[in-house]
PDB file of N, CA and C in Angstrom:
ATOM      1  N   MET A   1     -66.942  89.952 139.642  1.00  0.00           N
ATOM      2  CA  MET A   1     -67.347  90.032 138.426  1.00  0.00           C
ATOM      3  C   MET A   1     -66.032  90.244 137.523  1.00  0.00           C
ATOM      4  N   ILE A   2     -65.732  89.608 136.296  1.00  0.00           N
ATOM      5  CA  ILE A   2     -64.636  90.063 135.770  1.00  0.00           C
ATOM      6  C   ILE A   2     -65.214  90.093 134.197  1.00  0.00           C
ATOM      7  N   ILE A   3     -65.092  90.919 133.561  1.00  0.00           N
ATOM      8  CA  ILE A   3     -65.388  91.116 132.442  1.00  0.00           C
ATOM      9  C   ILE A   3     -64.026  91.202 131.257  1.00  0.00           C
ATOM     10  N   ARG A   4     -64.058  90.804 130.132  1.00  0.00           N
ATOM     11  CA  ARG A   4     -63.086  90.766 129.215  1.00  0.00           C
ATOM     12  C   ARG A   4     -63.438  91.231 128.209  1.00  0.00           C
ATOM     13  N   LEU A   5     -62.636  92.501 127.595  1.00  0.00           N
ATOM     14  CA  LEU A   5     -62.910  93.161 126.222  1.00  0.00           C
ATOM     15  C   LEU A   5     -61.862  93.204 125.758  1.00  0.00           C
ATOM     16  N   ALA A   6     -62.334  91.771 124.506  1.00  0.00           N
ATOM     17  CA  ALA A   6     -60.714  91.295 124.131  1.00  0.00           C
ATOM     18  C   ALA A   6     -61.343  90.580 122.741  1.00  0.00           C
ATOM     19  N   ALA A   7     -60.191  90.315 122.036  1.00  0.00           N
ATOM     20  CA  ALA A   7     -60.105  89.509 120.821  1.00  0.00           C
ATOM     21  C   ALA A   7     -58.976  88.782 120.810  1.00  0.00           C
ATOM     22  N   ARG A   8     -58.518  88.643 122.032  1.00  0.00           N
ATOM     23  CA  ARG A   8     -57.331  87.640 122.219  1.00  0.00           C
ATOM     24  C   ARG A   8     -55.926  88.020 121.655  1.00  0.00           C
ATOM     25  N   PHE A   9     -55.565  89.275 121.921  1.00  0.00           N
ATOM     26  CA  PHE A   9     -54.460  89.770 121.285  1.00  0.00           C
ATOM     27  C   PHE A   9     -53.092  89.362 122.099  1.00  0.00           C
ATOM     28  N   LEU A  10     -51.632  89.293 121.630  1.00  0.00           N
ATOM     29  CA  LEU A  10     -50.890  89.003 122.851  1.00  0.00           C
ATOM     30  C   LEU A  10     -50.726  89.809 124.220  1.00  0.00           C
ATOM     31  N   ILE A  11     -51.019  90.910 124.156  1.00  0.00           N
ATOM     32  CA  ILE A  11     -51.074  91.840 125.468  1.00  0.00           C
ATOM     33  C   ILE A  11     -52.314  91.790 126.330  1.00  0.00           C
ATOM     34  N   THR A  12     -52.324  91.489 127.328  1.00  0.00           N
ATOM     35  CA  THR A  12     -53.531  91.511 128.526  1.00  0.00           C
ATOM     36  C   THR A  12     -53.528  92.644 129.266  1.00  0.00           C
ATOM     37  N   LEU A  13     -54.203  93.915 129.376  1.00  0.00           N
ATOM     38  CA  LEU A  13     -53.957  94.607 130.536  1.00  0.00           C
ATOM     39  C   LEU A  13     -55.154  94.475 131.519  1.00  0.00           C
ATOM     40  N   THR A  14     -55.150  94.773 132.798  1.00  0.00           N
ATOM     41  CA  THR A  14     -55.979  94.477 133.573  1.00  0.00           C
ATOM     42  C   THR A  14     -56.314  95.514 134.286  1.00  0.00           C
ATOM     43  N   ILE A  15     -57.658  96.016 134.500  1.00  0.00           N
ATOM     44  CA  ILE A  15     -57.975  97.188 135.652  1.00  0.00           C
ATOM     45  C   ILE A  15     -58.579  96.609 136.317  1.00  0.00           C
ATOM     46  N   TYR A  16     -58.104  96.943 138.014  1.00  0.00           N
ATOM     47  CA  TYR A  16     -58.858  96.511 138.928  1.00  0.00           C
ATOM     48  C   TYR A  16     -59.665  97.643 139.641  1.00  0.00           C
ATOM     49  N   SER A  17     -60.977  97.721 139.615  1.00  0.00           N
ATOM     50  CA  SER A  17     -61.883  98.844 139.969  1.00  0.00           C
ATOM     51  C   SER A  17     -62.661  98.274 140.566  1.00  0.00           C
ATOM     52  N   ARG A  18     -63.886  99.502 140.643  1.00  0.00           N
ATOM     53  CA  ARG A  18     -64.846  98.930 141.654  1.00  0.00           C
ATOM     54  C   ARG A  18     -66.162  99.851 140.958  1.00  0.00           C
ATOM     55  N   LEU A  19     -67.098  99.604 141.183  1.00  0.00           N
ATOM     56  CA  LEU A  19     -68.597 100.424 140.852  1.00  0.00           C
ATOM     57  C   LEU A  19     -68.673 101.574 141.627  1.00  0.00           C
ATOM     58  N   TYR A  20     -69.407 102.815 140.914  1.00  0.00           N
ATOM     59  CA  TYR A  20     -69.020 103.856 141.198  1.00  0.00           C
ATOM     60  C   TYR A  20     -68.054 104.789 141.485  1.00  0.00           C
ATOM     61  N   CYS A  21     -66.912 104.448 140.983  1.00  0.00           N
ATOM     62  CA  CYS A  21     -65.882 104.839 140.845  1.00  0.00           C
ATOM     63  C   CYS A  21     -65.365 105.891 139.820  1.00  0.00           C
ATOM     64  N   HIS A  22     -65.593 107.158 139.843  1.00  0.00           N
ATOM     65  CA  HIS A  22     -65.232 107.783 138.740  1.00  0.00           C
ATOM     66  C   HIS A  22     -64.163 108.029 137.993  1.00  0.00           C
ATOM     67  N   LEU A  23     -63.010 107.918 139.075  1.00  0.00           N
ATOM     68  CA  LEU A  23     -61.490 107.350 138.312  1.00  0.00           C
ATOM     69  C   LEU A  23     -61.358 106.214 137.722  1.00  0.00           C
ATOM     70  N   CYS A  24     -62.227 105.385 138.118  1.00  0.00           N
ATOM     71  CA  CYS A  24     -62.187 104.169 137.244  1.00  0.00           C
ATOM     72  C   CYS A  24     -62.941 104.043 136.079  1.00  0.00           C
ATOM     73  N   GLU A  25     -63.973 104.628 135.850  1.00  0.00           N
ATOM     74  CA  GLU A  25     -64.791 105.028 134.673  1.00  0.00           C
ATOM     75  C   GLU A  25     -63.921 105.828 133.790  1.00  0.00           C
ATOM     76  N   ASP A  26     -63.115 106.814 134.410  1.00  0.00           N
ATOM     77  CA  ASP A  26     -62.739 107.477 133.521  1.00  0.00           C
ATOM     78  C   ASP A  26     -61.217 107.069 133.144  1.00  0.00           C
ATOM     79  N   MET A  27     -60.341 105.670 133.898  1.00  0.00           N
ATOM     80  CA  MET A  27     -59.476 105.049 133.088  1.00  0.00           C
ATOM     81  C   MET A  27     -60.164 104.328 132.340  1.00  0.00           C
ATOM     82  N   LEU A  28     -61.301 103.649 132.174  1.00  0.00           N
ATOM     83  CA  LEU A  28     -61.838 102.667 131.663  1.00  0.00           C
ATOM     84  C   LEU A  28     -62.129 103.401 130.305  1.00  0.00           C
ATOM     85  N   ASN A  29     -62.611 104.386 130.427  1.00  0.00           N
ATOM     86  CA  ASN A  29     -63.092 105.060 129.060  1.00  0.00           C
ATOM     87  C   ASN A  29     -61.828 105.312 128.087  1.00  0.00           C
ATOM     88  N   ALA A  30     -60.988 106.156 128.633  1.00  0.00           N
ATOM     89  CA  ALA A  30     -59.610 106.323 127.850  1.00  0.00           C
ATOM     90  C   ALA A  30     -59.078 104.751 127.311  1.00  0.00           C
ATOM     91  N   LEU A  31     -59.056 103.654 128.157  1.00  0.00           N
ATOM     92  CA  LEU A  31     -58.172 102.516 127.705  1.00  0.00           C
ATOM     93  C   LEU A  31     -59.282 101.863 126.735  1.00  0.00           C
ATOM     94  N   LYS A  32     -60.508 102.283 126.454  1.00  0.00           N
ATOM     95  CA  LYS A  32     -61.444 101.567 125.851  1.00  0.00           C
ATOM     96  C   LYS A  32     -61.304 102.465 124.175  1.00  0.00           C
ATOM     97  N   LYS A  33     -60.912 103.753 124.366  1.00  0.00           N
ATOM     98  CA  LYS A  33     -60.178 104.791 123.332  1.00  0.00           C
ATOM     99  C   LYS A  33     -59.301 104.287 122.710  1.00  0.00           C
ATOM    100  N   LEU A  34     -58.614 103.783 123.782  1.00  0.00           N
ATOM    101  CA  LEU A  34     -57.002 103.171 123.253  1.00  0.00           C
ATOM    102  C   LEU A  34     -57.000 102.009 122.188  1.00  0.00           C
ATOM    103  N   GLN A  35     -57.874 101.119 122.629  1.00  0.00           N
ATOM    104  CA  GLN A  35     -58.103 100.069 122.085  1.00  0.00           C
ATOM    105  C   GLN A  35     -58.544  99.773 120.773  1.00  0.00           C
ATOM    106  N   ALA A  36     -58.997 101.266 120.319  1.00  0.00           N
ATOM    107  CA  ALA A  36     -59.695 101.579 118.736  1.00  0.00           C
ATOM    108  C   ALA A  36     -58.211 101.686 118.032  1.00  0.00           C
ATOM    109  N   VAL A  37     -57.055 101.841 118.536  1.00  0.00           N
ATOM    110  CA  VAL A  37     -55.585 102.637 117.868  1.00  0.00           C
ATOM    111  C   VAL A  37     -54.837 101.296 118.329  1.00  0.00           C
ATOM    112  N   HIS A  38     -54.706 100.609 119.218  1.00  0.00           N
ATOM    113  CA  HIS A  38     -53.905  99.695 119.707  1.00  0.00           C
ATOM    114  C   HIS A  38     -54.289  98.259 120.014  1.00  0.00           C
ATOM    115  N   ARG A  39     -53.780  97.351 119.691  1.00  0.00           N
ATOM    116  CA  ARG A  39     -54.416  96.117 119.849  1.00  0.00           C
ATOM    117  C   ARG A  39     -54.032  95.267 121.025  1.00  0.00           C
ATOM    118  N   PHE A  40     -54.701  95.073 122.125  1.00  0.00           N
ATOM    119  CA  PHE A  40     -54.666  94.536 123.473  1.00  0.00           C
ATOM    120  C   PHE A  40     -56.056  93.995 123.910  1.00  0.00           C
ATOM    121  N   ASP A  41     -55.838  93.346 124.660  1.00  0.00           N
ATOM    122  CA  ASP A  41     -57.132  92.583 125.583  1.00  0.00           C
ATOM    123  C   ASP A  41     -57.120  93.597 126.812  1.00  0.00           C
ATOM    124  N   LEU A  42     -58.347  93.556 127.282  1.00  0.00           N
ATOM    125  CA  LEU A  42     -58.985  94.295 128.651  1.00  0.00           C
ATOM    126  C   LEU A  42     -59.803  93.566 129.262  1.00  0.00           C
ATOM    127  N   GLU A  43     -59.109  93.363 130.698  1.00  0.00           N
ATOM    128  CA  GLU A  43     -59.654  92.645 131.611  1.00  0.00           C
ATOM    129  C   GLU A  43     -60.273  93.384 132.565  1.00  0.00           C
ATOM    130  N   ILE A  44     -61.509  93.669 133.130  1.00  0.00           N
ATOM    131  CA  ILE A  44     -61.952  94.499 134.125  1.00  0.00           C
ATOM    132  C   ILE A  44     -62.303  93.445 135.260  1.00  0.00           C
ATOM    133  N   ILE A  45     -61.666  93.680 136.316  1.00  0.00           N
ATOM    134  CA  ILE A  45     -62.016  92.990 137.401  1.00  0.00           C
ATOM    135  C   ILE A  45     -62.597  93.989 139.034  1.00  0.00           C
ATOM    136  N   ASP A  46     -63.562  93.571 139.630  1.00  0.00           N
ATOM    137  CA  ASP A  46     -64.191  94.468 140.379  1.00  0.00           C
ATOM    138  C   ASP A  46     -63.869  94.224 141.669  1.00  0.00           C
ATOM    139  N   ILE A  47     -62.833  94.719 142.442  1.00  0.00           N
ATOM    140  CA  ILE A  47     -62.169  94.429 143.231  1.00  0.00           C
ATOM    141  C   ILE A  47     -62.774  94.034 144.663  1.00  0.00           C
ATOM    142  N   ASP A  48     -64.591  94.501 144.537  1.00  0.00           N
ATOM    143  CA  ASP A  48     -64.853  94.416 145.696  1.00  0.00           C
ATOM    144  C   ASP A  48     -65.782  93.157 145.977  1.00  0.00           C
ATOM    145  N   GLU A  49     -65.436  92.035 144.757  1.00  0.00           N
ATOM    146  CA  GLU A  49     -66.350  90.865 144.721  1.00  0.00           C
ATOM    147  C   GLU A  49     -64.953  89.620 145.306  1.00  0.00           C
ATOM    148  N   ASP A  50     -63.919  90.068 146.004  1.00  0.00           N
ATOM    149  CA  ASP A  50     -62.737  89.251 146.154  1.00  0.00           C
ATOM    150  C   ASP A  50     -61.793  90.076 147.212  1.00  0.00           C
ATOM    151  N   ALA A  51     -62.077  89.560 148.611  1.00  0.00           N
ATOM    152  CA  ALA A  51     -61.522  90.094 149.621  1.00  0.00           C
ATOM    153  C   ALA A  51     -60.205  90.286 149.688  1.00  0.00           C
ATOM    154  N   THR A  52     -59.076  89.713 149.225  1.00  0.00           N
ATOM    155  CA  THR A  52     -57.883  89.664 148.938  1.00  0.00           C
ATOM    156  C   THR A  52     -57.248  90.833 148.281  1.00  0.00           C
ATOM    157  N   LEU A  53     -58.285  91.005 147.037  1.00  0.00           N
ATOM    158  CA  LEU A  53     -58.210  92.319 145.847  1.00  0.00           C
ATOM    159  C   LEU A  53     -58.371  93.373 146.605  1.00  0.00           C
ATOM    160  N   ARG A  54     -59.695  93.419 147.164  1.00  0.00           N
ATOM    161  CA  ARG A  54     -60.016  94.848 148.163  1.00  0.00           C
ATOM    162  C   ARG A  54     -59.178  95.071 149.021  1.00  0.00           C
ATOM    163  N   GLU A  55     -58.626  94.075 149.602  1.00  0.00           N
ATOM    164  CA  GLU A  55     -57.488  94.300 150.649  1.00  0.00           C
ATOM    165  C   GLU A  55     -55.948  95.281 150.159  1.00  0.00           C
ATOM    166  N   ARG A  56     -55.651  94.311 148.903  1.00  0.00           N
ATOM    167  CA  ARG A  56     -54.749  94.915 148.144  1.00  0.00           C
ATOM    168  C   ARG A  56     -54.790  96.074 147.629  1.00  0.00           C
ATOM    169  N   PHE A  57     -56.175  96.392 146.518  1.00  0.00           N
ATOM    170  CA  PHE A  57     -55.972  97.780 146.383  1.00  0.00           C
ATOM    171  C   PHE A  57     -57.292  98.927 146.705  1.00  0.00           C
ATOM    172  N   ASN A  58     -57.641  98.464 148.034  1.00  0.00           N
ATOM    173  CA  ASN A  58     -58.756  99.230 148.186  1.00  0.00           C
ATOM    174  C   ASN A  58     -58.618 100.940 147.961  1.00  0.00           C
ATOM    175  N   ALA A  59     -57.402 101.253 148.581  1.00  0.00           N
ATOM    176  CA  ALA A  59     -57.348 102.904 148.481  1.00  0.00           C
ATOM    177  C   ALA A  59     -56.785 103.387 147.224  1.00  0.00           C
ATOM    178  N   ASP A  60     -56.377 102.278 145.813  1.00  0.00           N
ATOM    179  CA  ASP A  60     -55.451 102.394 144.853  1.00  0.00           C
ATOM    180  C   ASP A  60     -56.522 102.749 143.737  1.00  0.00           C
ATOM    181  N   VAL A  61     -57.625 101.843 143.742  1.00  0.00           N
ATOM    182  CA  VAL A  61     -58.280 102.014 142.526  1.00  0.00           C
ATOM    183  C   VAL A  61     -58.443 103.469 141.644  1.00  0.00           C
ATOM    184  N   PRO A  62     -58.373 103.142 140.565  1.00  0.00           N
ATOM    185  CA  PRO A  62     -58.097 102.314 139.435  1.00  0.00           C
ATOM    186  C   PRO A  62     -56.829 101.770 139.444  1.00  0.00           C
ATOM    187  N   VAL A  63     -56.703 100.594 139.211  1.00  0.00           N
ATOM    188  CA  VAL A  63     -55.169 100.132 138.947  1.00  0.00           C
ATOM    189  C   VAL A  63     -55.254  99.450 137.996  1.00  0.00           C
ATOM    190  N   LEU A  64     -53.933  99.785 136.725  1.00  0.00           N
ATOM    191  CA  LEU A  64     -53.909  98.921 135.830  1.00  0.00           C
ATOM    192  C   LEU A  64     -52.768  98.235 135.890  1.00  0.00           C
ATOM    193  N   ALA A  65     -52.673  96.902 135.394  1.00  0.00           N
ATOM    194  CA  ALA A  65     -51.644  96.154 135.518  1.00  0.00           C
ATOM    195  C   ALA A  65     -51.527  95.225 134.399  1.00  0.00           C
ATOM    196  N   ARG A  66     -50.438  94.616 133.888  1.00  0.00           N
ATOM    197  CA  ARG A  66     -49.677  93.267 132.960  1.00  0.00           C
ATOM    198  C   ARG A  66     -49.433  92.458 133.899  1.00  0.00           C
ATOM    199  N   GLY A  67     -50.484  91.383 134.161  1.00  0.00           N
ATOM    200  CA  GLY A  67     -49.824  90.395 134.808  1.00  0.00           C
ATOM    201  C   GLY A  67     -49.596  90.856 136.349  1.00  0.00           C
ATOM    202  N   GLU A  68     -48.169  90.856 136.924  1.00  0.00           N
ATOM    203  CA  GLU A  68     -48.001  91.420 138.141  1.00  0.00           C
ATOM    204  C   GLU A  68     -47.528  92.852 138.161  1.00  0.00           C
ATOM    205  N   GLN A  69     -47.245  93.232 137.019  1.00  0.00           N
ATOM    206  CA  GLN A  69     -46.589  94.261 136.988  1.00  0.00           C
ATOM    207  C   GLN A  69     -47.724  95.527 137.066  1.00  0.00           C
ATOM    208  N   ILE A  70     -47.502  96.600 137.752  1.00  0.00           N
ATOM    209  CA  ILE A  70     -48.512  97.583 138.174  1.00  0.00           C
ATOM    210  C   ILE A  70     -48.053  98.646 137.382  1.00  0.00           C
ATOM    211  N   ILE A  71     -49.021  99.141 136.272  1.00  0.00           N
ATOM    212  CA  ILE A  71     -48.404 100.313 135.040  1.00  0.00           C
ATOM    213  C   ILE A  71     -48.850 101.657 135.841  1.00  0.00           C
ATOM    214  N   CYS A  72     -50.118 102.034 136.290  1.00  0.00           N
ATOM    215  CA  CYS A  72     -50.503 103.210 137.051  1.00  0.00           C
ATOM    216  C   CYS A  72     -51.600 102.717 138.044  1.00  0.00           C
ATOM    217  N   LYS A  73     -51.721 103.723 139.025  1.00  0.00           N
ATOM    218  CA  LYS A  73     -52.537 103.517 140.063  1.00  0.00           C
ATOM    219  C   LYS A  73     -53.595 105.030 139.447  1.00  0.00           C
ATOM    220  N   HIS A  74     -54.736 105.008 140.239  1.00  0.00           N
ATOM    221  CA  HIS A  74     -55.271 106.233 140.279  1.00  0.00           C
ATOM    222  C   HIS A  74     -55.777 107.085 139.117  1.00  0.00           C
ATOM    223  N   PHE A  75     -54.897 106.912 138.309  1.00  0.00           N
ATOM    224  CA  PHE A  75     -55.059 107.830 137.185  1.00  0.00           C
ATOM    225  C   PHE A  75     -54.569 107.458 135.673  1.00  0.00           C
ATOM    226  N   TYR A  76     -54.930 107.633 134.785  1.00  0.00           N
ATOM    227  CA  TYR A  76     -54.415 106.852 133.252  1.00  0.00           C
ATOM    228  C   TYR A  76     -53.195 107.844 133.146  1.00  0.00           C
ATOM    229  N   ASN A  77     -52.289 106.882 132.900  1.00  0.00           N
ATOM    230  CA  ASN A  77     -50.704 107.093 132.684  1.00  0.00           C
ATOM    231  C   ASN A  77     -50.334 107.158 131.142  1.00  0.00           C
ATOM    232  N   GLU A  78     -51.083 107.869 130.302  1.00  0.00           N
ATOM    233  CA  GLU A  78     -50.429 107.670 128.919  1.00  0.00           C
ATOM    234  C   GLU A  78     -49.288 107.193 128.426  1.00  0.00           C
ATOM    235  N   GLN A  79     -48.064 107.671 129.026  1.00  0.00           N
ATOM    236  CA  GLN A  79     -46.660 107.136 128.364  1.00  0.00           C
ATOM    237  C   GLN A  79     -46.242 106.080 129.505  1.00  0.00           C
ATOM    238  N   ALA A  80     -46.687 105.639 130.782  1.00  0.00           N
ATOM    239  CA  ALA A  80     -46.564 104.256 131.115  1.00  0.00           C
ATOM    240  C   ALA A  80     -47.265 103.042 130.191  1.00  0.00           C
ATOM    241  N   ILE A  81     -48.344 103.432 129.775  1.00  0.00           N
ATOM    242  CA  ILE A  81     -49.180 102.368 128.946  1.00  0.00           C
ATOM    243  C   ILE A  81     -48.418 102.519 127.814  1.00  0.00           C
ATOM    244  N   ALA A  82     -48.164 103.664 127.139  1.00  0.00           N
ATOM    245  CA  ALA A  82     -47.745 103.771 125.459  1.00  0.00           C
ATOM    246  C   ALA A  82     -46.406 102.868 125.728  1.00  0.00           C
ATOM    247  N   ASP A  83     -45.576 102.979 126.893  1.00  0.00           N
ATOM    248  CA  ASP A  83     -44.450 101.992 127.176  1.00  0.00           C
ATOM    249  C   ASP A  83     -44.624 100.509 127.208  1.00  0.00           C
ATOM    250  N   ILE A  84     -45.426 100.160 127.612  1.00  0.00           N
ATOM    251  CA  ILE A  84     -46.117  98.687 127.715  1.00  0.00           C
ATOM    252  C   ILE A  84     -46.775  98.306 126.438  1.00  0.00           C
ATOM    253  N   LEU A  85     -47.482  99.199 125.547  1.00  0.00           N
ATOM    254  CA  LEU A  85     -47.531  98.547 124.447  1.00  0.00           C
ATOM    255  C   LEU A  85     -46.716  98.373 123.362  1.00  0.00           C
ATOM    256  N   HIS A  86     -45.802  99.294 123.225  1.00  0.00           N
ATOM    257  CA  HIS A  86     -44.899  99.595 122.448  1.00  0.00           C
ATOM    258  C   HIS A  86     -43.753  98.027 122.533  1.00  0.00           C
ATOM    259  N   ASP A  87     -43.491  97.985 123.750  1.00  0.00           N
ATOM    260  CA  ASP A  87     -42.419  97.068 124.294  1.00  0.00           C
ATOM    261  C   ASP A  87     -43.110  95.600 124.174  1.00  0.00           C
ATOM    262  N   GLY A  88     -44.374  95.387 123.920  1.00  0.00           N
ATOM    263  CA  GLY A  88     -45.040  94.341 123.767  1.00  0.00           C
ATOM    264  C   GLY A  88     -45.008  93.109 125.160  1.00  0.00           C
TER     265      GLY A  88
END
């Protein structure tokens, strides 16, 4: 399942996650709060619905990316995300 929480801004961040993952929920909640301050689109992808993504990210979720660039894994990294959002 792919969920887009967006208003079509210039920056799109993608969170690769899975159901019942507390780290995924923590990162998603932090990103939703950040969306109230910074303008970016957020795409949520459940890796368990795609065998290739599951193989690639299985032990690393949540993974936050912008395109092919990995921003952070496992935990919300405020500085890494801020760098992406400010650099555009």
